[in-house]
């Protein structure tokens, strides 16, 4: 399995399949998602700038990733992406921007990642795919599990104003988000 915090060389690069073209300008659905802080979060009700980075799944030490994981374009890199948002968390706060990670994993699974990676922000679970289906987020399936494709969007007052898709390499995404916010969020 290797080191989850580092990206292997020669990962396949995802291509823009158009599955996120509809997101720009969309109003976030008014629904709650379970948070790793034990509360329900309604992203549409949060004022100001909010970054939501959607990722397939974080790996856990000692547990093998699904067979062929590294060959799926855009699948590998959830832990490096989360760590990058952790490392840029202060800058995002200075830009008056809240950050959330979102996956279809259970909250219990996500809590392990928050603790192990020392994430200062909440991860949100869309285990029942309600938010994903309402927003028509792109997905893929492996070993019978429905997972989100990696996409990051910025919302302002509940409306999507910027979409990053496909996200590659994932460990650079937080930097790209900060750079965009510094140039466009005044």
N, C-alpha and C. Protein backbone atom coordinates (compact mmCIF):
# COMPACT_ATOMS: atom_id res chain seq x y z
N UNK A 1 0.83 -1.20 0.00
CA UNK A 1 0.00 0.00 0.00
C UNK A 1 0.86 1.24 0.00
N UNK A 2 1.99 1.24 0.67
CA UNK A 2 2.87 2.40 0.66
C UNK A 2 2.41 3.48 1.63
N UNK A 3 3.05 4.61 1.52
CA UNK A 3 2.78 5.76 2.38
C UNK A 3 1.56 6.51 1.87
N UNK A 4 0.55 6.64 2.72
CA UNK A 4 -0.68 7.31 2.30
C UNK A 4 -0.52 8.81 2.14
N UNK A 5 0.51 9.40 2.75
CA UNK A 5 0.69 10.85 2.68
C UNK A 5 1.47 11.30 1.46
N UNK A 6 2.01 10.35 0.70
CA UNK A 6 2.78 10.70 -0.49
C UNK A 6 2.11 10.13 -1.73
N UNK A 7 2.17 10.89 -2.80
CA UNK A 7 1.61 10.43 -4.07
C UNK A 7 2.64 9.60 -4.82
N UNK A 8 2.25 8.41 -5.29
CA UNK A 8 3.17 7.63 -6.11
C UNK A 8 3.45 8.34 -7.43
N UNK A 9 4.58 8.06 -8.01
CA UNK A 9 4.91 8.63 -9.31
C UNK A 9 4.05 7.94 -10.38
N UNK A 10 3.85 8.63 -11.48
CA UNK A 10 3.17 8.08 -12.66
C UNK A 10 1.70 7.75 -12.43
N UNK A 11 1.03 8.49 -11.56
CA UNK A 11 -0.41 8.30 -11.42
C UNK A 11 -1.11 8.76 -12.69
N UNK A 12 -2.17 8.06 -13.11
CA UNK A 12 -2.90 8.52 -14.30
C UNK A 12 -3.60 9.84 -14.01
N UNK A 13 -3.52 10.74 -14.97
CA UNK A 13 -4.11 12.07 -14.83
C UNK A 13 -5.57 12.02 -15.27
N UNK A 14 -6.48 12.49 -14.42
CA UNK A 14 -7.89 12.51 -14.82
C UNK A 14 -8.12 13.57 -15.89
N UNK A 15 -9.12 13.33 -16.74
CA UNK A 15 -9.48 14.29 -17.79
C UNK A 15 -10.82 14.92 -17.43
N UNK A 16 -11.05 16.10 -17.94
CA UNK A 16 -12.32 16.79 -17.70
C UNK A 16 -13.38 16.14 -18.58
N UNK A 17 -14.26 15.38 -17.95
CA UNK A 17 -15.32 14.68 -18.67
C UNK A 17 -16.61 15.49 -18.73
N UNK A 18 -16.55 16.73 -18.24
CA UNK A 18 -17.73 17.60 -18.28
C UNK A 18 -18.74 17.34 -17.17
N UNK A 19 -18.45 16.39 -16.28
CA UNK A 19 -19.41 16.02 -15.23
C UNK A 19 -19.62 17.10 -14.17
N UNK A 20 -18.85 18.17 -14.22
CA UNK A 20 -19.03 19.26 -13.24
C UNK A 20 -19.39 20.58 -13.91
N UNK A 21 -19.65 20.56 -15.20
CA UNK A 21 -19.97 21.80 -15.92
C UNK A 21 -21.22 22.48 -15.38
N UNK A 22 -22.11 21.73 -14.79
CA UNK A 22 -23.38 22.27 -14.29
C UNK A 22 -23.26 22.94 -12.92
N UNK A 23 -22.13 22.81 -12.25
CA UNK A 23 -22.03 23.28 -10.85
C UNK A 23 -21.89 24.79 -10.69
N UNK A 24 -21.20 25.45 -11.59
CA UNK A 24 -20.98 26.88 -11.45
C UNK A 24 -22.32 27.62 -11.44
N UNK A 25 -22.53 28.41 -10.40
CA UNK A 25 -23.77 29.16 -10.26
C UNK A 25 -24.88 28.41 -9.54
N UNK A 26 -24.67 27.14 -9.25
CA UNK A 26 -25.68 26.34 -8.55
C UNK A 26 -25.81 26.79 -7.10
N UNK A 27 -27.02 26.75 -6.59
CA UNK A 27 -27.28 26.98 -5.17
C UNK A 27 -27.12 25.63 -4.48
N UNK A 28 -26.37 25.62 -3.38
CA UNK A 28 -26.18 24.37 -2.66
C UNK A 28 -27.51 23.88 -2.09
N UNK A 29 -27.74 22.57 -2.12
CA UNK A 29 -28.99 22.04 -1.59
C UNK A 29 -29.09 22.26 -0.08
N UNK A 30 -30.28 22.57 0.38
CA UNK A 30 -30.51 22.78 1.80
C UNK A 30 -30.78 21.43 2.45
N UNK A 31 -29.71 20.78 2.86
CA UNK A 31 -29.78 19.48 3.52
C UNK A 31 -28.63 19.40 4.51
N UNK A 32 -28.76 18.56 5.51
CA UNK A 32 -27.71 18.46 6.51
C UNK A 32 -26.82 17.25 6.26
N UNK A 33 -25.58 17.42 6.62
CA UNK A 33 -24.57 16.36 6.52
C UNK A 33 -23.97 16.15 7.90
N UNK A 34 -23.70 14.90 8.24
CA UNK A 34 -23.08 14.59 9.53
C UNK A 34 -21.62 15.00 9.52
N UNK A 35 -21.19 15.60 10.63
CA UNK A 35 -19.85 16.14 10.75
C UNK A 35 -19.03 15.32 11.74
N UNK A 36 -17.72 15.36 11.55
CA UNK A 36 -16.82 14.69 12.48
C UNK A 36 -16.77 15.37 13.84
N UNK A 37 -17.43 16.50 13.99
CA UNK A 37 -17.54 17.15 15.29
C UNK A 37 -18.88 16.83 15.97
N UNK A 38 -19.59 15.83 15.42
CA UNK A 38 -20.82 15.35 16.04
C UNK A 38 -22.02 16.25 15.85
N UNK A 39 -22.00 17.05 14.81
CA UNK A 39 -23.15 17.92 14.56
C UNK A 39 -23.59 17.78 13.11
N UNK A 40 -24.74 18.35 12.80
CA UNK A 40 -25.24 18.38 11.43
C UNK A 40 -24.90 19.73 10.82
N UNK A 41 -24.42 19.72 9.58
CA UNK A 41 -24.00 20.94 8.89
C UNK A 41 -24.83 21.11 7.62
N UNK A 42 -25.41 22.28 7.46
CA UNK A 42 -26.12 22.64 6.24
C UNK A 42 -25.25 23.65 5.50
N UNK A 43 -24.54 23.19 4.48
CA UNK A 43 -23.61 24.05 3.75
C UNK A 43 -24.30 25.24 3.09
N UNK A 44 -25.54 25.09 2.72
CA UNK A 44 -26.25 26.18 2.03
C UNK A 44 -26.55 27.34 2.97
N UNK A 45 -26.51 27.11 4.26
CA UNK A 45 -26.86 28.14 5.24
C UNK A 45 -25.65 28.88 5.81
N UNK A 46 -24.45 28.55 5.35
CA UNK A 46 -23.24 29.18 5.87
C UNK A 46 -22.96 30.47 5.10
N UNK A 47 -22.91 31.60 5.79
CA UNK A 47 -22.63 32.86 5.09
C UNK A 47 -21.14 32.97 4.72
N UNK A 48 -20.88 33.77 3.70
CA UNK A 48 -19.51 34.00 3.28
C UNK A 48 -18.97 32.87 2.41
N UNK A 49 -17.64 32.80 2.35
CA UNK A 49 -16.97 31.82 1.50
C UNK A 49 -16.80 30.49 2.21
N UNK A 50 -17.10 29.43 1.48
CA UNK A 50 -16.94 28.06 1.98
C UNK A 50 -16.26 27.25 0.89
N UNK A 51 -15.22 26.50 1.27
CA UNK A 51 -14.56 25.57 0.36
C UNK A 51 -15.02 24.17 0.73
N UNK A 52 -15.50 23.43 -0.26
CA UNK A 52 -15.88 22.05 -0.06
C UNK A 52 -15.03 21.22 -1.02
N UNK A 53 -14.13 20.43 -0.45
CA UNK A 53 -13.36 19.54 -1.32
C UNK A 53 -13.93 18.14 -1.16
N UNK A 54 -14.39 17.61 -2.28
CA UNK A 54 -14.98 16.27 -2.33
C UNK A 54 -13.90 15.29 -2.75
N UNK A 55 -13.81 14.19 -2.02
CA UNK A 55 -12.76 13.22 -2.28
C UNK A 55 -13.34 11.81 -2.20
N UNK A 56 -12.71 10.84 -2.86
CA UNK A 56 -13.25 9.48 -2.86
C UNK A 56 -13.23 8.83 -1.46
N UNK A 57 -12.04 8.65 -0.89
CA UNK A 57 -11.93 8.03 0.43
C UNK A 57 -10.51 8.14 0.95
N UNK A 58 -10.38 8.36 2.23
CA UNK A 58 -9.05 8.34 2.82
C UNK A 58 -8.71 6.89 3.16
N UNK A 59 -7.47 6.54 2.95
CA UNK A 59 -7.01 5.23 3.34
C UNK A 59 -6.70 5.21 4.84
N UNK A 60 -6.56 4.01 5.39
CA UNK A 60 -6.17 3.87 6.79
C UNK A 60 -4.92 3.00 6.85
N UNK A 61 -3.97 3.37 7.72
CA UNK A 61 -2.78 2.55 7.87
C UNK A 61 -3.13 1.10 8.18
N UNK A 62 -2.47 0.18 7.49
CA UNK A 62 -2.68 -1.24 7.74
C UNK A 62 -3.87 -1.84 7.02
N UNK A 63 -4.65 -1.03 6.32
CA UNK A 63 -5.80 -1.53 5.57
C UNK A 63 -5.54 -1.28 4.09
N UNK A 64 -5.59 -2.33 3.31
CA UNK A 64 -5.28 -2.22 1.88
C UNK A 64 -6.34 -1.39 1.15
N UNK A 65 -5.87 -0.61 0.20
CA UNK A 65 -6.78 0.11 -0.69
C UNK A 65 -7.38 -0.89 -1.67
N UNK A 66 -8.51 -0.57 -2.27
CA UNK A 66 -9.11 -1.50 -3.25
C UNK A 66 -8.12 -1.83 -4.37
N UNK A 67 -8.24 -3.05 -4.90
CA UNK A 67 -7.38 -3.48 -6.01
C UNK A 67 -7.52 -2.51 -7.18
N UNK A 68 -6.40 -2.09 -7.74
CA UNK A 68 -6.40 -1.20 -8.89
C UNK A 68 -6.62 0.27 -8.54
N UNK A 69 -6.61 0.62 -7.26
CA UNK A 69 -6.89 2.00 -6.82
C UNK A 69 -6.00 3.01 -7.53
N UNK A 70 -4.70 2.75 -7.58
CA UNK A 70 -3.77 3.71 -8.16
C UNK A 70 -3.93 3.85 -9.68
N UNK A 71 -4.63 2.92 -10.33
CA UNK A 71 -4.83 3.00 -11.77
C UNK A 71 -6.09 3.79 -12.13
N UNK A 72 -6.92 4.13 -11.15
CA UNK A 72 -8.13 4.92 -11.41
C UNK A 72 -7.73 6.39 -11.44
N UNK A 73 -7.88 7.07 -12.59
CA UNK A 73 -7.48 8.48 -12.66
C UNK A 73 -8.19 9.32 -11.59
N UNK A 74 -7.40 9.98 -10.75
CA UNK A 74 -7.94 10.88 -9.74
C UNK A 74 -8.30 10.23 -8.42
N UNK A 75 -8.19 8.91 -8.30
CA UNK A 75 -8.60 8.26 -7.05
C UNK A 75 -7.58 8.48 -5.94
N UNK A 76 -6.32 8.25 -6.22
CA UNK A 76 -5.29 8.31 -5.19
C UNK A 76 -4.98 9.76 -4.82
N UNK A 77 -4.82 10.03 -3.53
CA UNK A 77 -4.38 11.36 -3.10
C UNK A 77 -5.27 12.04 -2.09
N UNK A 78 -6.22 11.33 -1.50
CA UNK A 78 -7.15 11.95 -0.55
C UNK A 78 -6.43 12.43 0.70
N UNK A 79 -5.51 11.64 1.21
CA UNK A 79 -4.76 12.04 2.41
C UNK A 79 -3.86 13.23 2.10
N UNK A 80 -3.07 13.22 1.01
CA UNK A 80 -2.27 14.41 0.70
C UNK A 80 -3.12 15.66 0.49
N UNK A 81 -4.30 15.52 -0.12
CA UNK A 81 -5.18 16.66 -0.33
C UNK A 81 -5.66 17.20 1.02
N UNK A 82 -6.10 16.32 1.90
CA UNK A 82 -6.56 16.74 3.23
C UNK A 82 -5.44 17.42 4.00
N UNK A 83 -4.24 16.86 3.93
CA UNK A 83 -3.09 17.45 4.63
C UNK A 83 -2.74 18.83 4.06
N UNK A 84 -2.91 19.00 2.77
CA UNK A 84 -2.64 20.31 2.16
C UNK A 84 -3.65 21.34 2.65
N UNK A 85 -4.92 20.97 2.75
CA UNK A 85 -5.90 21.91 3.30
C UNK A 85 -5.61 22.19 4.77
N UNK A 86 -5.13 21.20 5.49
CA UNK A 86 -4.71 21.42 6.88
C UNK A 86 -3.57 22.44 6.92
N UNK A 87 -2.60 22.27 6.04
CA UNK A 87 -1.42 23.14 6.04
C UNK A 87 -1.74 24.57 5.59
N UNK A 88 -2.82 24.75 4.82
CA UNK A 88 -3.24 26.08 4.35
C UNK A 88 -4.43 26.62 5.14
N UNK A 89 -4.79 25.93 6.21
CA UNK A 89 -5.97 26.29 6.98
C UNK A 89 -5.90 27.71 7.54
N UNK A 90 -4.75 28.10 8.03
CA UNK A 90 -4.60 29.45 8.59
C UNK A 90 -4.80 30.51 7.51
N UNK A 91 -4.21 30.29 6.33
CA UNK A 91 -4.38 31.24 5.22
C UNK A 91 -5.85 31.35 4.82
N UNK A 92 -6.54 30.22 4.77
CA UNK A 92 -7.95 30.24 4.42
C UNK A 92 -8.76 30.98 5.47
N UNK A 93 -8.40 30.80 6.73
CA UNK A 93 -9.07 31.53 7.80
C UNK A 93 -8.86 33.03 7.68
N UNK A 94 -7.63 33.43 7.31
CA UNK A 94 -7.33 34.85 7.12
C UNK A 94 -8.14 35.42 5.95
N UNK A 95 -8.53 34.55 5.02
CA UNK A 95 -9.37 34.95 3.88
C UNK A 95 -10.86 34.82 4.23
N UNK A 96 -11.14 34.61 5.52
CA UNK A 96 -12.52 34.48 6.01
C UNK A 96 -13.29 33.38 5.26
N UNK A 97 -12.61 32.24 5.11
CA UNK A 97 -13.16 31.12 4.37
C UNK A 97 -13.17 29.87 5.24
N UNK A 98 -14.33 29.22 5.31
CA UNK A 98 -14.44 27.95 6.02
C UNK A 98 -14.13 26.81 5.07
N UNK A 99 -13.61 25.71 5.61
CA UNK A 99 -13.21 24.55 4.81
C UNK A 99 -13.92 23.30 5.34
N UNK A 100 -14.40 22.48 4.40
CA UNK A 100 -14.98 21.19 4.74
C UNK A 100 -14.51 20.17 3.72
N UNK A 101 -14.17 18.98 4.18
CA UNK A 101 -13.97 17.85 3.29
C UNK A 101 -15.26 17.06 3.24
N UNK A 102 -15.55 16.44 2.11
CA UNK A 102 -16.80 15.69 1.93
C UNK A 102 -16.52 14.39 1.21
N UNK A 103 -17.01 13.30 1.78
CA UNK A 103 -16.91 11.99 1.13
C UNK A 103 -18.15 11.18 1.44
N UNK A 104 -18.24 10.01 0.82
CA UNK A 104 -19.36 9.11 1.08
C UNK A 104 -19.04 8.14 2.21
N UNK A 105 -17.88 8.27 2.81
CA UNK A 105 -17.51 7.42 3.94
C UNK A 105 -18.34 7.79 5.17
N UNK A 106 -18.48 6.85 6.08
CA UNK A 106 -19.23 7.11 7.30
C UNK A 106 -18.48 8.10 8.19
N UNK A 107 -19.22 8.79 9.03
CA UNK A 107 -18.61 9.73 9.97
C UNK A 107 -17.60 9.02 10.86
N UNK A 108 -17.92 7.82 11.29
CA UNK A 108 -17.01 7.06 12.15
C UNK A 108 -15.67 6.83 11.45
N UNK A 109 -15.72 6.49 10.17
CA UNK A 109 -14.50 6.29 9.39
C UNK A 109 -13.72 7.60 9.27
N UNK A 110 -14.45 8.68 9.03
CA UNK A 110 -13.81 9.99 8.86
C UNK A 110 -13.16 10.49 10.14
N UNK A 111 -13.74 10.18 11.30
CA UNK A 111 -13.18 10.64 12.58
C UNK A 111 -11.75 10.13 12.74
N UNK A 112 -11.49 8.91 12.31
CA UNK A 112 -10.13 8.36 12.40
C UNK A 112 -9.16 9.21 11.60
N UNK A 113 -9.57 9.63 10.41
CA UNK A 113 -8.69 10.46 9.56
C UNK A 113 -8.45 11.82 10.20
N UNK A 114 -9.50 12.44 10.74
CA UNK A 114 -9.35 13.75 11.38
C UNK A 114 -8.34 13.68 12.52
N UNK A 115 -8.46 12.64 13.33
CA UNK A 115 -7.55 12.50 14.48
C UNK A 115 -6.13 12.18 14.04
N UNK A 116 -5.98 11.22 13.12
CA UNK A 116 -4.65 10.80 12.67
C UNK A 116 -3.92 11.91 11.93
N UNK A 117 -4.65 12.68 11.12
CA UNK A 117 -4.03 13.72 10.30
C UNK A 117 -4.05 15.10 10.97
N UNK A 118 -4.64 15.19 12.16
CA UNK A 118 -4.73 16.45 12.91
C UNK A 118 -5.39 17.55 12.07
N UNK A 119 -6.54 17.22 11.50
CA UNK A 119 -7.25 18.18 10.66
C UNK A 119 -7.99 19.18 11.54
N UNK A 120 -7.80 20.48 11.32
CA UNK A 120 -8.47 21.50 12.14
C UNK A 120 -9.87 21.86 11.64
N UNK A 121 -10.36 21.16 10.65
CA UNK A 121 -11.67 21.42 10.07
C UNK A 121 -12.47 20.12 10.05
N UNK A 122 -13.75 20.25 9.79
CA UNK A 122 -14.65 19.11 9.81
C UNK A 122 -14.66 18.37 8.47
N UNK A 123 -14.79 17.06 8.55
CA UNK A 123 -15.12 16.25 7.39
C UNK A 123 -16.61 15.95 7.48
N UNK A 124 -17.27 15.95 6.34
CA UNK A 124 -18.70 15.72 6.28
C UNK A 124 -18.98 14.42 5.54
N UNK A 125 -19.95 13.65 6.07
CA UNK A 125 -20.31 12.38 5.47
C UNK A 125 -21.61 12.52 4.67
N UNK A 126 -21.53 12.06 3.42
CA UNK A 126 -22.73 11.95 2.59
C UNK A 126 -22.95 10.46 2.32
N UNK A 127 -22.97 9.70 3.40
CA UNK A 127 -23.07 8.25 3.35
C UNK A 127 -24.30 7.80 2.57
N UNK A 128 -25.40 8.54 2.70
CA UNK A 128 -26.64 8.16 2.00
C UNK A 128 -26.74 8.78 0.60
N UNK A 129 -25.74 9.51 0.19
CA UNK A 129 -25.63 10.12 -1.15
C UNK A 129 -26.69 11.18 -1.43
N UNK A 130 -27.37 11.65 -0.41
CA UNK A 130 -28.44 12.64 -0.61
C UNK A 130 -27.88 13.93 -1.21
N UNK A 131 -26.85 14.52 -0.60
CA UNK A 131 -26.24 15.76 -1.09
C UNK A 131 -25.67 15.53 -2.49
N UNK A 132 -24.96 14.42 -2.66
CA UNK A 132 -24.33 14.09 -3.94
C UNK A 132 -25.36 14.03 -5.06
N UNK A 133 -26.48 13.37 -4.80
CA UNK A 133 -27.51 13.25 -5.84
C UNK A 133 -28.21 14.58 -6.09
N UNK A 134 -28.46 15.35 -5.03
CA UNK A 134 -29.13 16.65 -5.22
C UNK A 134 -28.29 17.60 -6.05
N UNK A 135 -26.95 17.54 -5.87
CA UNK A 135 -26.05 18.43 -6.60
C UNK A 135 -25.52 17.78 -7.89
N UNK A 136 -25.85 16.51 -8.08
CA UNK A 136 -25.41 15.73 -9.24
C UNK A 136 -23.88 15.73 -9.36
N UNK A 137 -23.24 15.39 -8.23
CA UNK A 137 -21.78 15.30 -8.20
C UNK A 137 -21.33 14.03 -8.90
N UNK A 138 -20.19 14.06 -9.59
CA UNK A 138 -19.71 12.88 -10.31
C UNK A 138 -19.22 11.80 -9.34
N UNK A 139 -19.50 10.56 -9.71
CA UNK A 139 -19.14 9.42 -8.87
C UNK A 139 -18.50 8.32 -9.72
N UNK A 140 -17.91 7.35 -9.00
CA UNK A 140 -17.46 6.11 -9.62
C UNK A 140 -17.66 5.00 -8.60
N UNK A 141 -17.57 3.77 -9.06
CA UNK A 141 -17.79 2.63 -8.19
C UNK A 141 -16.59 1.70 -8.26
N UNK A 142 -16.20 1.17 -7.10
CA UNK A 142 -15.16 0.16 -7.04
C UNK A 142 -15.51 -0.80 -5.91
N UNK A 143 -15.39 -2.07 -6.21
CA UNK A 143 -15.71 -3.13 -5.24
C UNK A 143 -17.09 -2.92 -4.62
N UNK A 144 -18.05 -2.46 -5.43
CA UNK A 144 -19.42 -2.28 -4.98
C UNK A 144 -19.66 -1.05 -4.11
N UNK A 145 -18.66 -0.18 -3.99
CA UNK A 145 -18.78 1.02 -3.15
C UNK A 145 -18.89 2.24 -4.06
N UNK A 146 -19.88 3.10 -3.79
CA UNK A 146 -20.07 4.34 -4.53
C UNK A 146 -19.18 5.43 -3.91
N UNK A 147 -18.33 6.03 -4.72
CA UNK A 147 -17.41 7.06 -4.24
C UNK A 147 -17.49 8.31 -5.11
N UNK A 148 -17.21 9.44 -4.49
CA UNK A 148 -17.18 10.71 -5.22
C UNK A 148 -15.90 10.82 -6.04
N UNK A 149 -16.02 11.40 -7.22
CA UNK A 149 -14.82 11.82 -7.94
C UNK A 149 -14.32 13.07 -7.24
N UNK A 150 -13.06 13.34 -7.38
CA UNK A 150 -12.45 14.48 -6.71
C UNK A 150 -12.84 15.79 -7.40
N UNK A 151 -13.52 16.64 -6.67
CA UNK A 151 -13.90 17.97 -7.15
C UNK A 151 -13.89 18.90 -5.96
N UNK A 152 -13.45 20.12 -6.17
CA UNK A 152 -13.47 21.14 -5.12
C UNK A 152 -14.25 22.32 -5.64
N UNK A 153 -15.12 22.85 -4.80
CA UNK A 153 -15.84 24.05 -5.20
C UNK A 153 -15.86 25.05 -4.07
N UNK A 154 -15.96 26.30 -4.47
CA UNK A 154 -16.05 27.41 -3.52
C UNK A 154 -17.45 27.98 -3.67
N UNK A 155 -18.11 28.13 -2.53
CA UNK A 155 -19.44 28.74 -2.52
C UNK A 155 -19.37 30.04 -1.73
N UNK A 156 -20.20 30.98 -2.12
CA UNK A 156 -20.35 32.22 -1.37
C UNK A 156 -21.83 32.38 -1.07
N UNK A 157 -22.14 32.47 0.22
CA UNK A 157 -23.53 32.59 0.66
C UNK A 157 -24.41 31.50 0.04
N UNK A 158 -23.86 30.28 -0.04
CA UNK A 158 -24.64 29.14 -0.50
C UNK A 158 -24.70 28.92 -2.00
N UNK A 159 -23.96 29.71 -2.78
CA UNK A 159 -23.98 29.58 -4.24
C UNK A 159 -22.56 29.29 -4.74
N UNK A 160 -22.41 28.31 -5.63
CA UNK A 160 -21.11 27.91 -6.16
C UNK A 160 -20.57 29.00 -7.08
N UNK A 161 -19.37 29.51 -6.74
CA UNK A 161 -18.76 30.57 -7.55
C UNK A 161 -17.48 30.13 -8.25
N UNK A 162 -16.95 28.96 -7.88
CA UNK A 162 -15.73 28.45 -8.53
C UNK A 162 -15.71 26.94 -8.39
N UNK A 163 -15.30 26.26 -9.47
CA UNK A 163 -15.20 24.80 -9.47
C UNK A 163 -13.80 24.41 -9.94
N UNK A 164 -13.17 23.51 -9.22
CA UNK A 164 -11.89 22.92 -9.61
C UNK A 164 -12.17 21.46 -9.96
N UNK A 165 -12.06 21.14 -11.26
CA UNK A 165 -12.33 19.78 -11.71
C UNK A 165 -11.73 19.59 -13.09
N UNK A 166 -11.02 18.53 -13.35
CA UNK A 166 -10.59 17.57 -12.35
C UNK A 166 -9.48 18.16 -11.47
N UNK A 167 -9.35 17.63 -10.29
CA UNK A 167 -8.33 18.09 -9.35
C UNK A 167 -7.13 17.17 -9.49
N UNK A 168 -6.02 17.73 -9.95
CA UNK A 168 -4.79 16.95 -10.08
C UNK A 168 -3.60 17.88 -10.20
N UNK A 169 -2.52 17.65 -9.51
CA UNK A 169 -2.42 16.67 -8.43
C UNK A 169 -3.16 17.16 -7.18
N UNK A 170 -3.71 16.24 -6.42
CA UNK A 170 -4.54 16.63 -5.29
C UNK A 170 -3.80 17.38 -4.19
N UNK A 171 -2.52 17.15 -4.05
CA UNK A 171 -1.76 17.84 -3.00
C UNK A 171 -1.50 19.31 -3.33
N UNK A 172 -1.83 19.76 -4.54
CA UNK A 172 -1.68 21.17 -4.93
C UNK A 172 -3.00 21.93 -4.87
N UNK A 173 -4.10 21.23 -4.65
CA UNK A 173 -5.42 21.83 -4.72
C UNK A 173 -5.62 22.95 -3.71
N UNK A 174 -5.18 22.76 -2.48
CA UNK A 174 -5.36 23.80 -1.45
C UNK A 174 -4.63 25.08 -1.86
N UNK A 175 -3.44 24.95 -2.41
CA UNK A 175 -2.69 26.12 -2.88
C UNK A 175 -3.48 26.83 -3.98
N UNK A 176 -4.04 26.07 -4.92
CA UNK A 176 -4.82 26.66 -6.01
C UNK A 176 -6.04 27.40 -5.48
N UNK A 177 -6.68 26.83 -4.46
CA UNK A 177 -7.85 27.46 -3.85
C UNK A 177 -7.47 28.77 -3.20
N UNK A 178 -6.39 28.76 -2.40
CA UNK A 178 -5.92 29.98 -1.74
C UNK A 178 -5.58 31.04 -2.78
N UNK A 179 -4.87 30.63 -3.82
CA UNK A 179 -4.48 31.56 -4.88
C UNK A 179 -5.71 32.19 -5.54
N UNK A 180 -6.73 31.37 -5.84
CA UNK A 180 -7.94 31.89 -6.47
C UNK A 180 -8.66 32.86 -5.52
N UNK A 181 -8.78 32.49 -4.26
CA UNK A 181 -9.46 33.35 -3.30
C UNK A 181 -8.72 34.69 -3.13
N UNK A 182 -7.41 34.65 -3.09
CA UNK A 182 -6.63 35.89 -2.96
C UNK A 182 -6.86 36.82 -4.14
N UNK A 183 -7.06 36.24 -5.32
CA UNK A 183 -7.25 37.04 -6.53
C UNK A 183 -8.69 37.44 -6.80
N UNK A 184 -9.65 36.69 -6.25
CA UNK A 184 -11.05 36.88 -6.66
C UNK A 184 -12.06 37.14 -5.56
N UNK A 185 -11.67 36.99 -4.31
CA UNK A 185 -12.66 37.05 -3.24
C UNK A 185 -12.71 38.40 -2.53
N UNK A 186 -12.12 39.41 -3.11
CA UNK A 186 -12.10 40.73 -2.44
C UNK A 186 -13.48 41.32 -2.37
